[in-house]
Each structure stands twice: as C-alpha cells, then as structure tokens.
Amino acid sequence: MSSSPSPAQPARLVSNLLAEEPDLRDLVENFVNGLDDRLSRLRSACEKLDWQQLVLLTHQLKGAAGSYGYPQLSELAATMEQAVRARTADQLSDWLRQLEQLVAAAHAGLQPE
C-alpha cells in the first residue's frame, strides 16, 4: 500500500519559523487561522476592484506571511501587490486561486502527519 497523499489532500505548507522556534506554534496557528479572513477580504476587494484596499491587503499579507515563516505566501502577495499598484487586474483571479491553495496547505501543515 502506498503512503503518498491522495489527490484530494492539500499539500502541506509548514512555517519555517516553527523549525527554528517551535515554542511559537500558538502564534503561527493564530496567523494561519486568520488567513481565511484575509483571503475573504482580498476576494471582496478583487470583486470591487478596490485598488486602495488591494494594495493594503496584499502589502500586509506580504509582510505578515514573511514574518510567520511562509515565504511562498509572502512572494505571491508581493507579486500581487506590484500588480495592483500598477492597476493590472488580468491575473487577480489566478493569484487568488493560488492563494487559496497555499492557505489550505498552511492549514494542512499545522495538522500532525
């Protein structure tokens, strides 16, 4: 029997911070648990093409994700921030899907293996 994950299981994204500071697990969990709300606010701002809110939200996510040890999230948020500062909306829905996948993977990364 194979131990590889089934296609329905999200990838696991584990915070780099936890590898260095396991005592910070509660802080990292709080950050990950707040990602759903951040994603919801980003979706809403995208639907409205609220550029000011999009710049703010992507900038905040870029910094927070980097601080909590999620460079993949931070890099994607930085890419989104550059695009929304230039008011380029053509890839926003693709980036949101990628963010959704990374958020699901971050949640999965908090679960025991």
PDB file of N, CA and C in Angstrom:
ATOM      1  N   MET A   1       0.830  -1.182   0.000  1.00  0.00           N
ATOM      2  CA  MET A   1       0.000   0.000   0.000  1.00  0.00           C
ATOM      3  C   MET A   1       0.878   1.250   0.000  1.00  0.00           C
ATOM      4  N   SER A   2       0.544   2.228  -0.806  1.00  0.00           N
ATOM      5  CA  SER A   2       1.337   3.439  -0.933  1.00  0.00           C
ATOM      6  C   SER A   2       1.002   4.426   0.173  1.00  0.00           C
ATOM      7  N   SER A   3       1.989   5.172   0.633  1.00  0.00           N
ATOM      8  CA  SER A   3       1.744   6.168   1.664  1.00  0.00           C
ATOM      9  C   SER A   3       1.702   7.578   1.083  1.00  0.00           C
ATOM     10  N   SER A   4       1.669   7.684  -0.230  1.00  0.00           N
ATOM     11  CA  SER A   4       1.611   9.011  -0.837  1.00  0.00           C
ATOM     12  C   SER A   4       0.216   9.599  -0.637  1.00  0.00           C
ATOM     13  N   PRO A   5       0.140  10.949  -0.550  1.00  0.00           N
ATOM     14  CA  PRO A   5      -1.158  11.577  -0.313  1.00  0.00           C
ATOM     15  C   PRO A   5      -2.097  11.387  -1.498  1.00  0.00           C
ATOM     16  N   SER A   6      -3.373  11.301  -1.204  1.00  0.00           N
ATOM     17  CA  SER A   6      -4.361  11.200  -2.275  1.00  0.00           C
ATOM     18  C   SER A   6      -4.517  12.568  -2.926  1.00  0.00           C
ATOM     19  N   PRO A   7      -5.032  12.625  -4.150  1.00  0.00           N
ATOM     20  CA  PRO A   7      -5.177  13.903  -4.838  1.00  0.00           C
ATOM     21  C   PRO A   7      -6.082  14.881  -4.091  1.00  0.00           C
ATOM     22  N   ALA A   8      -6.974  14.382  -3.246  1.00  0.00           N
ATOM     23  CA  ALA A   8      -7.889  15.262  -2.532  1.00  0.00           C
ATOM     24  C   ALA A   8      -7.204  15.976  -1.371  1.00  0.00           C
ATOM     25  N   GLN A   9      -6.072  15.460  -0.925  1.00  0.00           N
ATOM     26  CA  GLN A   9      -5.383  16.069   0.195  1.00  0.00           C
ATOM     27  C   GLN A   9      -4.565  17.262  -0.279  1.00  0.00           C
ATOM     28  N   PRO A  10      -4.677  18.406   0.430  1.00  0.00           N
ATOM     29  CA  PRO A  10      -3.859  19.545   0.034  1.00  0.00           C
ATOM     30  C   PRO A  10      -2.399  19.292   0.400  1.00  0.00           C
ATOM     31  N   ALA A  11      -1.519  19.965  -0.301  1.00  0.00           N
ATOM     32  CA  ALA A  11      -0.104  19.903   0.048  1.00  0.00           C
ATOM     33  C   ALA A  11       0.062  20.481   1.452  1.00  0.00           C
ATOM     34  N   ARG A  12       1.152  20.110   2.085  1.00  0.00           N
ATOM     35  CA  ARG A  12       1.429  20.638   3.423  1.00  0.00           C
ATOM     36  C   ARG A  12       2.441  21.770   3.303  1.00  0.00           C
ATOM     37  N   LEU A  13       2.102  22.897   3.860  1.00  0.00           N
ATOM     38  CA  LEU A  13       2.996  24.046   3.893  1.00  0.00           C
ATOM     39  C   LEU A  13       3.266  24.327   5.364  1.00  0.00           C
ATOM     40  N   VAL A  14       4.509  24.135   5.778  1.00  0.00           N
ATOM     41  CA  VAL A  14       4.885  24.282   7.181  1.00  0.00           C
ATOM     42  C   VAL A  14       5.723  25.541   7.338  1.00  0.00           C
ATOM     43  N   SER A  15       5.433  26.301   8.363  1.00  0.00           N
ATOM     44  CA  SER A  15       6.155  27.536   8.634  1.00  0.00           C
ATOM     45  C   SER A  15       7.629  27.267   8.913  1.00  0.00           C
ATOM     46  N   ASN A  16       8.492  28.037   8.255  1.00  0.00           N
ATOM     47  CA  ASN A  16       9.929  27.971   8.533  1.00  0.00           C
ATOM     48  C   ASN A  16      10.222  28.403   9.964  1.00  0.00           C
ATOM     49  N   LEU A  17       9.390  29.273  10.486  1.00  0.00           N
ATOM     50  CA  LEU A  17       9.568  29.782  11.845  1.00  0.00           C
ATOM     51  C   LEU A  17       9.458  28.665  12.877  1.00  0.00           C
ATOM     52  N   LEU A  18       8.562  27.709  12.630  1.00  0.00           N
ATOM     53  CA  LEU A  18       8.381  26.614  13.588  1.00  0.00           C
ATOM     54  C   LEU A  18       9.599  25.706  13.650  1.00  0.00           C
ATOM     55  N   ALA A  19      10.306  25.596  12.549  1.00  0.00           N
ATOM     56  CA  ALA A  19      11.526  24.782  12.551  1.00  0.00           C
ATOM     57  C   ALA A  19      12.575  25.422  13.463  1.00  0.00           C
ATOM     58  N   GLU A  20      12.586  26.750  13.499  1.00  0.00           N
ATOM     59  CA  GLU A  20      13.565  27.480  14.307  1.00  0.00           C
ATOM     60  C   GLU A  20      13.083  27.703  15.737  1.00  0.00           C
ATOM     61  N   GLU A  21      11.791  27.972  15.898  1.00  0.00           N
ATOM     62  CA  GLU A  21      11.224  28.324  17.197  1.00  0.00           C
ATOM     63  C   GLU A  21       9.915  27.573  17.437  1.00  0.00           C
ATOM     64  N   PRO A  22       9.967  26.284  17.792  1.00  0.00           N
ATOM     65  CA  PRO A  22       8.738  25.507  17.989  1.00  0.00           C
ATOM     66  C   PRO A  22       7.810  26.086  19.063  1.00  0.00           C
ATOM     67  N   ASP A  23       8.368  26.877  19.977  1.00  0.00           N
ATOM     68  CA  ASP A  23       7.548  27.481  21.037  1.00  0.00           C
ATOM     69  C   ASP A  23       6.575  28.532  20.495  1.00  0.00           C
ATOM     70  N   LEU A  24       6.755  28.945  19.263  1.00  0.00           N
ATOM     71  CA  LEU A  24       5.894  29.968  18.667  1.00  0.00           C
ATOM     72  C   LEU A  24       4.688  29.367  17.941  1.00  0.00           C
ATOM     73  N   ARG A  25       4.420  28.095  18.176  1.00  0.00           N
ATOM     74  CA  ARG A  25       3.332  27.407  17.475  1.00  0.00           C
ATOM     75  C   ARG A  25       1.989  28.131  17.625  1.00  0.00           C
ATOM     76  N   ASP A  26       1.657  28.597  18.823  1.00  0.00           N
ATOM     77  CA  ASP A  26       0.372  29.279  19.028  1.00  0.00           C
ATOM     78  C   ASP A  26       0.272  30.531  18.156  1.00  0.00           C
ATOM     79  N   LEU A  27       1.355  31.293  18.070  1.00  0.00           N
ATOM     80  CA  LEU A  27       1.343  32.496  17.234  1.00  0.00           C
ATOM     81  C   LEU A  27       1.163  32.144  15.762  1.00  0.00           C
ATOM     82  N   VAL A  28       1.866  31.120  15.317  1.00  0.00           N
ATOM     83  CA  VAL A  28       1.763  30.698  13.915  1.00  0.00           C
ATOM     84  C   VAL A  28       0.355  30.175  13.635  1.00  0.00           C
ATOM     85  N   GLU A  29      -0.194  29.401  14.562  1.00  0.00           N
ATOM     86  CA  GLU A  29      -1.572  28.900  14.383  1.00  0.00           C
ATOM     87  C   GLU A  29      -2.558  30.052  14.277  1.00  0.00           C
ATOM     88  N   ASN A  30      -2.408  31.078  15.114  1.00  0.00           N
ATOM     89  CA  ASN A  30      -3.302  32.240  15.044  1.00  0.00           C
ATOM     90  C   ASN A  30      -3.193  32.927  13.688  1.00  0.00           C
ATOM     91  N   PHE A  31      -1.973  33.047  13.180  1.00  0.00           N
ATOM     92  CA  PHE A  31      -1.790  33.653  11.866  1.00  0.00           C
ATOM     93  C   PHE A  31      -2.497  32.829  10.789  1.00  0.00           C
ATOM     94  N   VAL A  32      -2.250  31.514  10.788  1.00  0.00           N
ATOM     95  CA  VAL A  32      -2.849  30.642   9.776  1.00  0.00           C
ATOM     96  C   VAL A  32      -4.372  30.670   9.881  1.00  0.00           C
ATOM     97  N   ASN A  33      -4.892  30.641  11.105  1.00  0.00           N
ATOM     98  CA  ASN A  33      -6.344  30.680  11.283  1.00  0.00           C
ATOM     99  C   ASN A  33      -6.947  31.997  10.803  1.00  0.00           C
ATOM    100  N   GLY A  34      -6.169  33.065  10.800  1.00  0.00           N
ATOM    101  CA  GLY A  34      -6.643  34.351  10.295  1.00  0.00           C
ATOM    102  C   GLY A  34      -6.529  34.499   8.784  1.00  0.00           C
ATOM    103  N   LEU A  35      -5.871  33.552   8.132  1.00  0.00           N
ATOM    104  CA  LEU A  35      -5.697  33.642   6.680  1.00  0.00           C
ATOM    105  C   LEU A  35      -7.017  33.550   5.925  1.00  0.00           C
ATOM    106  N   ASP A  36      -7.969  32.792   6.451  1.00  0.00           N
ATOM    107  CA  ASP A  36      -9.266  32.678   5.767  1.00  0.00           C
ATOM    108  C   ASP A  36      -9.950  34.038   5.682  1.00  0.00           C
ATOM    109  N   ASP A  37      -9.872  34.808   6.773  1.00  0.00           N
ATOM    110  CA  ASP A  37     -10.462  36.146   6.773  1.00  0.00           C
ATOM    111  C   ASP A  37      -9.711  37.065   5.810  1.00  0.00           C
ATOM    112  N   ARG A  38      -8.401  36.981   5.815  1.00  0.00           N
ATOM    113  CA  ARG A  38      -7.611  37.801   4.877  1.00  0.00           C
ATOM    114  C   ARG A  38      -7.988  37.471   3.435  1.00  0.00           C
ATOM    115  N   LEU A  39      -8.139  36.177   3.160  1.00  0.00           N
ATOM    116  CA  LEU A  39      -8.497  35.732   1.811  1.00  0.00           C
ATOM    117  C   LEU A  39      -9.882  36.251   1.422  1.00  0.00           C
ATOM    118  N   SER A  40     -10.799  36.203   2.354  1.00  0.00           N
ATOM    119  CA  SER A  40     -12.150  36.704   2.105  1.00  0.00           C
ATOM    120  C   SER A  40     -12.131  38.200   1.780  1.00  0.00           C
ATOM    121  N   ARG A  41     -11.361  38.957   2.544  1.00  0.00           N
ATOM    122  CA  ARG A  41     -11.266  40.399   2.289  1.00  0.00           C
ATOM    123  C   ARG A  41     -10.587  40.682   0.950  1.00  0.00           C
ATOM    124  N   LEU A  42      -9.578  39.871   0.605  1.00  0.00           N
ATOM    125  CA  LEU A  42      -8.931  40.026  -0.703  1.00  0.00           C
ATOM    126  C   LEU A  42      -9.897  39.727  -1.843  1.00  0.00           C
ATOM    127  N   ARG A  43     -10.676  38.658  -1.690  1.00  0.00           N
ATOM    128  CA  ARG A  43     -11.673  38.316  -2.722  1.00  0.00           C
ATOM    129  C   ARG A  43     -12.646  39.471  -2.923  1.00  0.00           C
ATOM    130  N   SER A  44     -13.139  40.003  -1.823  1.00  0.00           N
ATOM    131  CA  SER A  44     -14.101  41.106  -1.889  1.00  0.00           C
ATOM    132  C   SER A  44     -13.484  42.326  -2.576  1.00  0.00           C
ATOM    133  N   ALA A  45     -12.270  42.671  -2.217  1.00  0.00           N
ATOM    134  CA  ALA A  45     -11.600  43.821  -2.839  1.00  0.00           C
ATOM    135  C   ALA A  45     -11.355  43.574  -4.329  1.00  0.00           C
ATOM    136  N   CYS A  46     -11.054  42.325  -4.689  1.00  0.00           N
ATOM    137  CA  CYS A  46     -10.861  41.985  -6.110  1.00  0.00           C
ATOM    138  C   CYS A  46     -12.162  42.153  -6.890  1.00  0.00           C
ATOM    139  N   GLU A  47     -13.245  41.666  -6.306  1.00  0.00           N
ATOM    140  CA  GLU A  47     -14.542  41.766  -6.984  1.00  0.00           C
ATOM    141  C   GLU A  47     -14.916  43.220  -7.245  1.00  0.00           C
ATOM    142  N   LYS A  48     -14.578  44.093  -6.323  1.00  0.00           N
ATOM    143  CA  LYS A  48     -14.914  45.517  -6.442  1.00  0.00           C
ATOM    144  C   LYS A  48     -13.836  46.309  -7.172  1.00  0.00           C
ATOM    145  N   LEU A  49     -12.708  45.639  -7.453  1.00  0.00           N
ATOM    146  CA  LEU A  49     -11.519  46.327  -7.976  1.00  0.00           C
ATOM    147  C   LEU A  49     -11.194  47.552  -7.121  1.00  0.00           C
ATOM    148  N   ASP A  50     -11.210  47.334  -5.812  1.00  0.00           N
ATOM    149  CA  ASP A  50     -10.871  48.373  -4.845  1.00  0.00           C
ATOM    150  C   ASP A  50      -9.350  48.398  -4.720  1.00  0.00           C
ATOM    151  N   TRP A  51      -8.718  49.194  -5.570  1.00  0.00           N
ATOM    152  CA  TRP A  51      -7.259  49.204  -5.673  1.00  0.00           C
ATOM    153  C   TRP A  51      -6.595  49.574  -4.360  1.00  0.00           C
ATOM    154  N   GLN A  52      -7.139  50.573  -3.678  1.00  0.00           N
ATOM    155  CA  GLN A  52      -6.535  51.019  -2.415  1.00  0.00           C
ATOM    156  C   GLN A  52      -6.551  49.883  -1.390  1.00  0.00           C
ATOM    157  N   GLN A  53      -7.679  49.207  -1.273  1.00  0.00           N
ATOM    158  CA  GLN A  53      -7.794  48.086  -0.335  1.00  0.00           C
ATOM    159  C   GLN A  53      -6.902  46.918  -0.762  1.00  0.00           C
ATOM    160  N   LEU A  54      -6.828  46.657  -2.053  1.00  0.00           N
ATOM    161  CA  LEU A  54      -5.971  45.577  -2.554  1.00  0.00           C
ATOM    162  C   LEU A  54      -4.496  45.834  -2.244  1.00  0.00           C
ATOM    163  N   VAL A  55      -4.054  47.079  -2.422  1.00  0.00           N
ATOM    164  CA  VAL A  55      -2.664  47.416  -2.091  1.00  0.00           C
ATOM    165  C   VAL A  55      -2.423  47.177  -0.608  1.00  0.00           C
ATOM    166  N   LEU A  56      -3.330  47.656   0.227  1.00  0.00           N
ATOM    167  CA  LEU A  56      -3.188  47.495   1.673  1.00  0.00           C
ATOM    168  C   LEU A  56      -3.157  46.019   2.074  1.00  0.00           C
ATOM    169  N   LEU A  57      -4.114  45.242   1.584  1.00  0.00           N
ATOM    170  CA  LEU A  57      -4.219  43.835   1.976  1.00  0.00           C
ATOM    171  C   LEU A  57      -3.049  42.998   1.479  1.00  0.00           C
ATOM    172  N   THR A  58      -2.634  43.224   0.239  1.00  0.00           N
ATOM    173  CA  THR A  58      -1.509  42.443  -0.286  1.00  0.00           C
ATOM    174  C   THR A  58      -0.213  42.832   0.421  1.00  0.00           C
ATOM    175  N   HIS A  59      -0.058  44.110   0.716  1.00  0.00           N
ATOM    176  CA  HIS A  59       1.137  44.569   1.426  1.00  0.00           C
ATOM    177  C   HIS A  59       1.189  43.960   2.838  1.00  0.00           C
ATOM    178  N   GLN A  60       0.065  43.973   3.533  1.00  0.00           N
ATOM    179  CA  GLN A  60       0.018  43.396   4.879  1.00  0.00           C
ATOM    180  C   GLN A  60       0.295  41.899   4.848  1.00  0.00           C
ATOM    181  N   LEU A  61      -0.297  41.203   3.895  1.00  0.00           N
ATOM    182  CA  LEU A  61      -0.089  39.763   3.796  1.00  0.00           C
ATOM    183  C   LEU A  61       1.369  39.450   3.475  1.00  0.00           C
ATOM    184  N   LYS A  62       1.967  40.238   2.593  1.00  0.00           N
ATOM    185  CA  LYS A  62       3.378  40.036   2.235  1.00  0.00           C
ATOM    186  C   LYS A  62       4.248  40.089   3.489  1.00  0.00           C
ATOM    187  N   GLY A  63       4.064  41.102   4.300  1.00  0.00           N
ATOM    188  CA  GLY A  63       4.884  41.259   5.498  1.00  0.00           C
ATOM    189  C   GLY A  63       4.592  40.213   6.558  1.00  0.00           C
ATOM    190  N   ALA A  64       3.316  39.979   6.812  1.00  0.00           N
ATOM    191  CA  ALA A  64       2.942  39.022   7.859  1.00  0.00           C
ATOM    192  C   ALA A  64       3.372  37.608   7.497  1.00  0.00           C
ATOM    193  N   ALA A  65       3.130  37.204   6.261  1.00  0.00           N
ATOM    194  CA  ALA A  65       3.492  35.851   5.844  1.00  0.00           C
ATOM    195  C   ALA A  65       4.999  35.638   5.953  1.00  0.00           C
ATOM    196  N   GLY A  66       5.770  36.633   5.573  1.00  0.00           N
ATOM    197  CA  GLY A  66       7.216  36.532   5.704  1.00  0.00           C
ATOM    198  C   GLY A  66       7.639  36.429   7.163  1.00  0.00           C
ATOM    199  N   SER A  67       7.007  37.215   8.016  1.00  0.00           N
ATOM    200  CA  SER A  67       7.345  37.210   9.445  1.00  0.00           C
ATOM    201  C   SER A  67       7.000  35.896  10.121  1.00  0.00           C
ATOM    202  N   TYR A  68       5.938  35.255   9.663  1.00  0.00           N
ATOM    203  CA  TYR A  68       5.497  33.999  10.275  1.00  0.00           C
ATOM    204  C   TYR A  68       6.093  32.771   9.592  1.00  0.00           C
ATOM    205  N   GLY A  69       7.030  32.973   8.673  1.00  0.00           N
ATOM    206  CA  GLY A  69       7.762  31.855   8.094  1.00  0.00           C
ATOM    207  C   GLY A  69       7.123  31.198   6.893  1.00  0.00           C
ATOM    208  N   TYR A  70       6.342  31.958   6.142  1.00  0.00           N
ATOM    209  CA  TYR A  70       5.695  31.435   4.936  1.00  0.00           C
ATOM    210  C   TYR A  70       6.158  32.237   3.718  1.00  0.00           C
ATOM    211  N   PRO A  71       7.395  31.987   3.245  1.00  0.00           N
ATOM    212  CA  PRO A  71       7.908  32.779   2.122  1.00  0.00           C
ATOM    213  C   PRO A  71       7.103  32.620   0.836  1.00  0.00           C
ATOM    214  N   GLN A  72       6.498  31.446   0.611  1.00  0.00           N
ATOM    215  CA  GLN A  72       5.706  31.258  -0.612  1.00  0.00           C
ATOM    216  C   GLN A  72       4.505  32.206  -0.615  1.00  0.00           C
ATOM    217  N   LEU A  73       3.839  32.321   0.521  1.00  0.00           N
ATOM    218  CA  LEU A  73       2.716  33.252   0.633  1.00  0.00           C
ATOM    219  C   LEU A  73       3.195  34.685   0.468  1.00  0.00           C
ATOM    220  N   SER A  74       4.309  35.002   1.088  1.00  0.00           N
ATOM    221  CA  SER A  74       4.851  36.356   1.023  1.00  0.00           C
ATOM    222  C   SER A  74       5.217  36.734  -0.411  1.00  0.00           C
ATOM    223  N   GLU A  75       5.854  35.810  -1.133  1.00  0.00           N
ATOM    224  CA  GLU A  75       6.250  36.085  -2.516  1.00  0.00           C
ATOM    225  C   GLU A  75       5.035  36.295  -3.425  1.00  0.00           C
ATOM    226  N   LEU A  76       4.006  35.476  -3.237  1.00  0.00           N
ATOM    227  CA  LEU A  76       2.805  35.637  -4.053  1.00  0.00           C
ATOM    228  C   LEU A  76       2.111  36.964  -3.730  1.00  0.00           C
ATOM    229  N   ALA A  77       2.050  37.300  -2.448  1.00  0.00           N
ATOM    230  CA  ALA A  77       1.452  38.586  -2.058  1.00  0.00           C
ATOM    231  C   ALA A  77       2.252  39.753  -2.628  1.00  0.00           C
ATOM    232  N   ALA A  78       3.578  39.635  -2.671  1.00  0.00           N
ATOM    233  CA  ALA A  78       4.418  40.695  -3.243  1.00  0.00           C
ATOM    234  C   ALA A  78       4.145  40.857  -4.740  1.00  0.00           C
ATOM    235  N   THR A  79       3.994  39.739  -5.428  1.00  0.00           N
ATOM    236  CA  THR A  79       3.668  39.782  -6.853  1.00  0.00           C
ATOM    237  C   THR A  79       2.320  40.459  -7.063  1.00  0.00           C
ATOM    238  N   MET A  80       1.351  40.081  -6.235  1.00  0.00           N
ATOM    239  CA  MET A  80       0.018  40.691  -6.331  1.00  0.00           C
ATOM    240  C   MET A  80       0.089  42.188  -6.029  1.00  0.00           C
ATOM    241  N   GLU A  81       0.859  42.542  -5.002  1.00  0.00           N
ATOM    242  CA  GLU A  81       0.960  43.960  -4.628  1.00  0.00           C
ATOM    243  C   GLU A  81       1.514  44.789  -5.783  1.00  0.00           C
ATOM    244  N   GLN A  82       2.558  44.298  -6.436  1.00  0.00           N
ATOM    245  CA  GLN A  82       3.125  45.032  -7.575  1.00  0.00           C
ATOM    246  C   GLN A  82       2.083  45.221  -8.674  1.00  0.00           C
ATOM    247  N   ALA A  83       1.317  44.173  -8.937  1.00  0.00           N
ATOM    248  CA  ALA A  83       0.305  44.252  -9.996  1.00  0.00           C
ATOM    249  C   ALA A  83      -0.808  45.229  -9.633  1.00  0.00           C
ATOM    250  N   VAL A  84      -1.265  45.186  -8.392  1.00  0.00           N
ATOM    251  CA  VAL A  84      -2.375  46.082  -8.040  1.00  0.00           C
ATOM    252  C   VAL A  84      -1.899  47.528  -7.938  1.00  0.00           C
ATOM    253  N   ARG A  85      -0.654  47.726  -7.581  1.00  0.00           N
ATOM    254  CA  ARG A  85      -0.122  49.106  -7.602  1.00  0.00           C
ATOM    255  C   ARG A  85      -0.100  49.640  -9.032  1.00  0.00           C
ATOM    256  N   ALA A  86       0.115  48.747 -10.000  1.00  0.00           N
ATOM    257  CA  ALA A  86       0.098  49.133 -11.415  1.00  0.00           C
ATOM    258  C   ALA A  86      -1.321  49.046 -11.999  1.00  0.00           C
ATOM    259  N   ARG A  87      -2.272  48.667 -11.140  1.00  0.00           N
ATOM    260  CA  ARG A  87      -3.691  48.507 -11.531  1.00  0.00           C
ATOM    261  C   ARG A  87      -3.855  47.530 -12.682  1.00  0.00           C
ATOM    262  N   THR A  88      -3.168  46.414 -12.555  1.00  0.00           N
ATOM    263  CA  THR A  88      -3.257  45.336 -13.524  1.00  0.00           C
ATOM    264  C   THR A  88      -4.087  44.217 -12.906  1.00  0.00           C
ATOM    265  N   ALA A  89      -5.267  43.992 -13.454  1.00  0.00           N
ATOM    266  CA  ALA A  89      -6.196  43.041 -12.839  1.00  0.00           C
ATOM    267  C   ALA A  89      -6.299  41.718 -13.578  1.00  0.00           C
ATOM    268  N   ASP A  90      -5.586  41.569 -14.684  1.00  0.00           N
ATOM    269  CA  ASP A  90      -5.813  40.403 -15.537  1.00  0.00           C
ATOM    270  C   ASP A  90      -5.476  39.066 -14.875  1.00  0.00           C
ATOM    271  N   GLN A  91      -4.615  39.032 -13.875  1.00  0.00           N
ATOM    272  CA  GLN A  91      -4.253  37.765 -13.250  1.00  0.00           C
ATOM    273  C   GLN A  91      -4.767  37.631 -11.818  1.00  0.00           C
ATOM    274  N   LEU A  92      -5.564  38.560 -11.352  1.00  0.00           N
ATOM    275  CA  LEU A  92      -6.003  38.529  -9.954  1.00  0.00           C
ATOM    276  C   LEU A  92      -6.739  37.243  -9.603  1.00  0.00           C
ATOM    277  N   SER A  93      -7.601  36.768 -10.467  1.00  0.00           N
ATOM    278  CA  SER A  93      -8.349  35.550 -10.131  1.00  0.00           C
ATOM    279  C   SER A  93      -7.421  34.336 -10.053  1.00  0.00           C
ATOM    280  N   ASP A  94      -6.414  34.280 -10.923  1.00  0.00           N
ATOM    281  CA  ASP A  94      -5.444  33.180 -10.859  1.00  0.00           C
ATOM    282  C   ASP A  94      -4.643  33.244  -9.561  1.00  0.00           C
ATOM    283  N   TRP A  95      -4.231  34.436  -9.198  1.00  0.00           N
ATOM    284  CA  TRP A  95      -3.462  34.589  -7.964  1.00  0.00           C
ATOM    285  C   TRP A  95      -4.308  34.258  -6.742  1.00  0.00           C
ATOM    286  N   LEU A  96      -5.569  34.616  -6.774  1.00  0.00           N
ATOM    287  CA  LEU A  96      -6.453  34.266  -5.654  1.00  0.00           C
ATOM    288  C   LEU A  96      -6.563  32.751  -5.514  1.00  0.00           C
ATOM    289  N   ARG A  97      -6.679  32.052  -6.630  1.00  0.00           N
ATOM    290  CA  ARG A  97      -6.723  30.580  -6.577  1.00  0.00           C
ATOM    291  C   ARG A  97      -5.428  30.021  -5.986  1.00  0.00           C
ATOM    292  N   GLN A  98      -4.311  30.597  -6.392  1.00  0.00           N
ATOM    293  CA  GLN A  98      -3.030  30.156  -5.834  1.00  0.00           C
ATOM    294  C   GLN A  98      -2.969  30.438  -4.334  1.00  0.00           C
ATOM    295  N   LEU A  99      -3.465  31.593  -3.931  1.00  0.00           N
ATOM    296  CA  LEU A  99      -3.502  31.919  -2.504  1.00  0.00           C
ATOM    297  C   LEU A  99      -4.381  30.932  -1.749  1.00  0.00           C
ATOM    298  N   GLU A 100      -5.532  30.599  -2.321  1.00  0.00           N
ATOM    299  CA  GLU A 100      -6.427  29.631  -1.677  1.00  0.00           C
ATOM    300  C   GLU A 100      -5.704  28.302  -1.460  1.00  0.00           C
ATOM    301  N   GLN A 101      -4.944  27.871  -2.458  1.00  0.00           N
ATOM    302  CA  GLN A 101      -4.201  26.609  -2.341  1.00  0.00           C
ATOM    303  C   GLN A 101      -3.126  26.702  -1.264  1.00  0.00           C
ATOM    304  N   LEU A 102      -2.424  27.826  -1.213  1.00  0.00           N
ATOM    305  CA  LEU A 102      -1.385  27.995  -0.196  1.00  0.00           C
ATOM    306  C   LEU A 102      -1.985  28.075   1.206  1.00  0.00           C
ATOM    307  N   VAL A 103      -3.131  28.730   1.328  1.00  0.00           N
ATOM    308  CA  VAL A 103      -3.803  28.812   2.631  1.00  0.00           C
ATOM    309  C   VAL A 103      -4.246  27.423   3.079  1.00  0.00           C
ATOM    310  N   ALA A 104      -4.824  26.643   2.179  1.00  0.00           N
ATOM    311  CA  ALA A 104      -5.221  25.272   2.505  1.00  0.00           C
ATOM    312  C   ALA A 104      -3.997  24.451   2.910  1.00  0.00           C
ATOM    313  N   ALA A 105      -2.888  24.650   2.208  1.00  0.00           N
ATOM    314  CA  ALA A 105      -1.662  23.922   2.530  1.00  0.00           C
ATOM    315  C   ALA A 105      -1.104  24.351   3.889  1.00  0.00           C
ATOM    316  N   ALA A 106      -1.231  25.629   4.221  1.00  0.00           N
ATOM    317  CA  ALA A 106      -0.779  26.104   5.531  1.00  0.00           C
ATOM    318  C   ALA A 106      -1.626  25.493   6.645  1.00  0.00           C
ATOM    319  N   HIS A 107      -2.934  25.412   6.418  1.00  0.00           N
ATOM    320  CA  HIS A 107      -3.810  24.743   7.405  1.00  0.00           C
ATOM    321  C   HIS A 107      -3.394  23.274   7.557  1.00  0.00           C
ATOM    322  N   ALA A 108      -3.148  22.617   6.432  1.00  0.00           N
ATOM    323  CA  ALA A 108      -2.741  21.200   6.459  1.00  0.00           C
ATOM    324  C   ALA A 108      -1.390  21.052   7.159  1.00  0.00           C
ATOM    325  N   GLY A 109      -0.535  22.024   7.021  1.00  0.00           N
ATOM    326  CA  GLY A 109       0.778  21.976   7.638  1.00  0.00           C
ATOM    327  C   GLY A 109       0.763  22.056   9.148  1.00  0.00           C
ATOM    328  N   LEU A 110      -0.351  22.511   9.700  1.00  0.00           N
ATOM    329  CA  LEU A 110      -0.479  22.576  11.163  1.00  0.00           C
ATOM    330  C   LEU A 110      -0.969  21.261  11.753  1.00  0.00           C
ATOM    331  N   GLN A 111      -1.502  20.388  10.884  1.00  0.00           N
ATOM    332  CA  GLN A 111      -2.024  19.109  11.356  1.00  0.00           C
ATOM    333  C   GLN A 111      -0.884  18.110  11.535  1.00  0.00           C
ATOM    334  N   PRO A 112      -1.004  17.235  12.530  1.00  0.00           N
ATOM    335  CA  PRO A 112       0.037  16.216  12.678  1.00  0.00           C
ATOM    336  C   PRO A 112       0.059  15.281  11.469  1.00  0.00           C
ATOM    337  N   GLU A 113       1.237  14.843  11.113  1.00  0.00           N
ATOM    338  CA  GLU A 113       1.365  13.948   9.941  1.00  0.00           C
ATOM    339  C   GLU A 113       0.835  12.570  10.241  1.00  0.00           C
TER     340      GLU A 113
END
